[in-house]
Amino acid sequence: MSGESTPSLSGAVPSFEVFMMKWESLGNNPEKPHMMDLVRPGLKWAYKYYARMDYMPTYIIAMRKPIHPQSRF
């Protein structure tokens, strides 16, 4: 199936990373120091779930990382 017609995890993970980078830059903007107080709770949850992605088989497949042949899902 084409990724254009069917949403896939391979597009979701990089999008999540972009989201986190944008929020980090928004929170670190010296012209808007008050934004960090607003962004910090969301980033806390984003970091938590982002760290969990490394342990998920779907993340490994989506990012096309080599999988040990004897691992089972």
N, C-alpha and C. Protein backbone atom coordinates (compact mmCIF):
# COMPACT_ATOMS: atom_id res chain seq x y z
N MET A 1 0.82 -1.18 0.00
CA MET A 1 0.00 0.00 0.00
C MET A 1 0.87 1.25 0.00
N SER A 2 0.38 2.23 -0.62
CA SER A 2 1.11 3.49 -0.72
C SER A 2 0.91 4.31 0.55
N GLY A 3 1.97 4.96 1.00
CA GLY A 3 1.88 5.84 2.16
C GLY A 3 1.05 7.08 1.88
N GLU A 4 0.85 7.40 0.60
CA GLU A 4 0.06 8.57 0.25
C GLU A 4 -1.43 8.33 0.49
N SER A 5 -1.89 7.12 0.28
CA SER A 5 -3.31 6.84 0.46
C SER A 5 -3.62 6.24 1.83
N THR A 6 -2.62 5.67 2.48
CA THR A 6 -2.81 5.04 3.78
C THR A 6 -1.83 5.66 4.77
N PRO A 7 -2.33 6.27 5.86
CA PRO A 7 -1.40 6.82 6.85
C PRO A 7 -0.50 5.73 7.40
N SER A 8 0.75 6.07 7.63
CA SER A 8 1.68 5.07 8.15
C SER A 8 2.48 5.65 9.31
N LEU A 9 2.98 4.76 10.13
CA LEU A 9 3.77 5.17 11.29
C LEU A 9 5.08 5.80 10.86
N SER A 10 5.57 5.45 9.70
CA SER A 10 6.85 6.00 9.26
C SER A 10 6.77 7.51 9.06
N GLY A 11 5.59 8.04 8.84
CA GLY A 11 5.43 9.48 8.74
C GLY A 11 5.09 10.12 10.07
N ALA A 12 4.48 9.36 10.97
CA ALA A 12 4.06 9.88 12.26
C ALA A 12 5.24 10.15 13.18
N VAL A 13 6.20 9.28 13.18
CA VAL A 13 7.34 9.42 14.09
C VAL A 13 8.16 10.67 13.75
N PRO A 14 8.55 10.88 12.50
CA PRO A 14 9.26 12.12 12.18
C PRO A 14 8.42 13.37 12.45
N SER A 15 7.13 13.29 12.25
CA SER A 15 6.26 14.43 12.54
C SER A 15 6.26 14.74 14.03
N PHE A 16 6.27 13.71 14.85
CA PHE A 16 6.33 13.89 16.30
C PHE A 16 7.64 14.55 16.71
N GLU A 17 8.74 14.16 16.05
CA GLU A 17 10.03 14.76 16.34
C GLU A 17 10.05 16.23 15.96
N VAL A 18 9.44 16.57 14.83
CA VAL A 18 9.36 17.97 14.40
C VAL A 18 8.54 18.77 15.40
N PHE A 19 7.41 18.21 15.83
CA PHE A 19 6.58 18.85 16.84
C PHE A 19 7.39 19.17 18.09
N MET A 20 8.18 18.21 18.57
CA MET A 20 8.97 18.43 19.78
C MET A 20 10.03 19.51 19.56
N MET A 21 10.69 19.50 18.41
CA MET A 21 11.70 20.52 18.13
C MET A 21 11.09 21.92 18.08
N LYS A 22 9.91 22.03 17.46
CA LYS A 22 9.24 23.33 17.37
C LYS A 22 8.86 23.85 18.76
N TRP A 23 8.34 22.96 19.61
CA TRP A 23 7.96 23.37 20.96
C TRP A 23 9.19 23.74 21.78
N GLU A 24 10.29 23.00 21.60
CA GLU A 24 11.51 23.34 22.32
C GLU A 24 12.00 24.73 21.93
N SER A 25 11.98 25.02 20.64
CA SER A 25 12.43 26.35 20.19
C SER A 25 11.46 27.43 20.65
N LEU A 26 10.18 27.13 20.70
CA LEU A 26 9.20 28.08 21.18
C LEU A 26 9.43 28.39 22.66
N GLY A 27 9.74 27.37 23.43
CA GLY A 27 9.98 27.55 24.86
C GLY A 27 11.31 28.21 25.16
N ASN A 28 12.25 28.16 24.24
CA ASN A 28 13.58 28.75 24.45
C ASN A 28 13.72 30.11 23.78
N ASN A 29 12.65 30.67 23.28
CA ASN A 29 12.68 31.95 22.59
C ASN A 29 12.90 33.07 23.62
N PRO A 30 14.04 33.79 23.53
CA PRO A 30 14.31 34.84 24.52
C PRO A 30 13.32 36.01 24.44
N GLU A 31 12.66 36.17 23.32
CA GLU A 31 11.68 37.25 23.17
C GLU A 31 10.36 36.91 23.85
N LYS A 32 10.13 35.63 24.15
CA LYS A 32 8.89 35.19 24.78
C LYS A 32 9.20 34.23 25.94
N PRO A 33 9.81 34.73 27.01
CA PRO A 33 10.21 33.84 28.12
C PRO A 33 9.03 33.18 28.83
N HIS A 34 7.86 33.80 28.77
CA HIS A 34 6.69 33.23 29.43
C HIS A 34 6.19 31.96 28.76
N MET A 35 6.61 31.71 27.54
CA MET A 35 6.13 30.54 26.80
C MET A 35 6.63 29.23 27.40
N MET A 36 7.79 29.23 28.04
CA MET A 36 8.32 27.99 28.59
C MET A 36 7.39 27.41 29.65
N ASP A 37 6.78 28.29 30.45
CA ASP A 37 5.84 27.81 31.47
C ASP A 37 4.62 27.15 30.82
N LEU A 38 4.26 27.58 29.63
CA LEU A 38 3.13 27.00 28.94
C LEU A 38 3.51 25.73 28.18
N VAL A 39 4.72 25.68 27.68
CA VAL A 39 5.17 24.57 26.84
C VAL A 39 5.71 23.40 27.67
N ARG A 40 6.28 23.69 28.82
CA ARG A 40 6.95 22.67 29.64
C ARG A 40 6.08 21.44 29.95
N PRO A 41 4.82 21.59 30.38
CA PRO A 41 4.02 20.38 30.66
C PRO A 41 3.81 19.50 29.43
N GLY A 42 3.59 20.11 28.28
CA GLY A 42 3.42 19.33 27.05
C GLY A 42 4.68 18.61 26.64
N LEU A 43 5.81 19.29 26.78
CA LEU A 43 7.09 18.66 26.44
C LEU A 43 7.42 17.52 27.40
N LYS A 44 7.03 17.66 28.65
CA LYS A 44 7.27 16.59 29.62
C LYS A 44 6.60 15.30 29.16
N TRP A 45 5.34 15.41 28.74
CA TRP A 45 4.62 14.22 28.25
C TRP A 45 5.19 13.74 26.92
N ALA A 46 5.57 14.66 26.06
CA ALA A 46 6.14 14.28 24.76
C ALA A 46 7.43 13.49 24.95
N TYR A 47 8.30 13.96 25.85
CA TYR A 47 9.55 13.24 26.12
C TYR A 47 9.27 11.85 26.67
N LYS A 48 8.27 11.75 27.53
CA LYS A 48 7.93 10.47 28.13
C LYS A 48 7.53 9.45 27.05
N TYR A 49 6.65 9.87 26.16
CA TYR A 49 6.19 8.95 25.12
C TYR A 49 7.24 8.73 24.03
N TYR A 50 8.05 9.73 23.77
CA TYR A 50 9.12 9.58 22.79
C TYR A 50 10.13 8.54 23.27
N ALA A 51 10.44 8.56 24.56
CA ALA A 51 11.38 7.57 25.12
C ALA A 51 10.82 6.16 25.02
N ARG A 52 9.52 6.01 25.11
CA ARG A 52 8.89 4.69 25.01
C ARG A 52 8.95 4.14 23.59
N MET A 53 9.03 5.00 22.60
CA MET A 53 9.02 4.55 21.20
C MET A 53 10.19 3.64 20.87
N ASP A 54 11.33 3.88 21.49
CA ASP A 54 12.51 3.06 21.19
C ASP A 54 12.33 1.60 21.56
N TYR A 55 11.39 1.31 22.44
CA TYR A 55 11.18 -0.06 22.89
C TYR A 55 10.02 -0.75 22.20
N MET A 56 9.38 -0.06 21.27
CA MET A 56 8.21 -0.62 20.60
C MET A 56 8.60 -1.24 19.26
N PRO A 57 8.18 -2.47 18.98
CA PRO A 57 8.50 -3.11 17.70
C PRO A 57 7.97 -2.31 16.51
N THR A 58 6.84 -1.63 16.67
CA THR A 58 6.30 -0.85 15.55
C THR A 58 7.23 0.30 15.19
N TYR A 59 7.85 0.90 16.18
CA TYR A 59 8.81 1.98 15.92
C TYR A 59 10.00 1.44 15.15
N ILE A 60 10.49 0.30 15.57
CA ILE A 60 11.65 -0.30 14.91
C ILE A 60 11.35 -0.59 13.45
N ILE A 61 10.17 -1.13 13.19
CA ILE A 61 9.78 -1.43 11.82
C ILE A 61 9.59 -0.15 11.02
N ALA A 62 8.91 0.82 11.61
CA ALA A 62 8.63 2.06 10.90
C ALA A 62 9.91 2.80 10.52
N MET A 63 10.90 2.75 11.37
CA MET A 63 12.15 3.44 11.09
C MET A 63 13.14 2.56 10.34
N ARG A 64 12.69 1.36 9.98
CA ARG A 64 13.47 0.40 9.19
C ARG A 64 14.81 0.04 9.85
N LYS A 65 14.76 -0.11 11.18
CA LYS A 65 15.96 -0.52 11.90
C LYS A 65 16.07 -2.04 11.80
N PRO A 66 17.29 -2.58 11.76
CA PRO A 66 17.44 -4.04 11.70
C PRO A 66 16.89 -4.69 12.96
N ILE A 67 16.20 -5.78 12.76
CA ILE A 67 15.60 -6.53 13.86
C ILE A 67 16.32 -7.86 13.98
N HIS A 68 16.57 -8.26 15.21
CA HIS A 68 17.19 -9.56 15.45
C HIS A 68 16.25 -10.64 14.91
N PRO A 69 16.75 -11.60 14.13
CA PRO A 69 15.88 -12.59 13.48
C PRO A 69 15.08 -13.45 14.46
N GLN A 70 15.54 -13.62 15.69
CA GLN A 70 14.83 -14.47 16.63
C GLN A 70 13.88 -13.69 17.54
N SER A 71 13.79 -12.36 17.34
CA SER A 71 12.87 -11.60 18.18
C SER A 71 11.45 -11.84 17.74
N ARG A 72 10.56 -11.86 18.68
CA ARG A 72 9.14 -12.11 18.39
C ARG A 72 8.32 -10.95 18.90
N PHE A 73 7.23 -10.69 18.18
CA PHE A 73 6.37 -9.57 18.55
C PHE A 73 5.25 -10.07 19.43
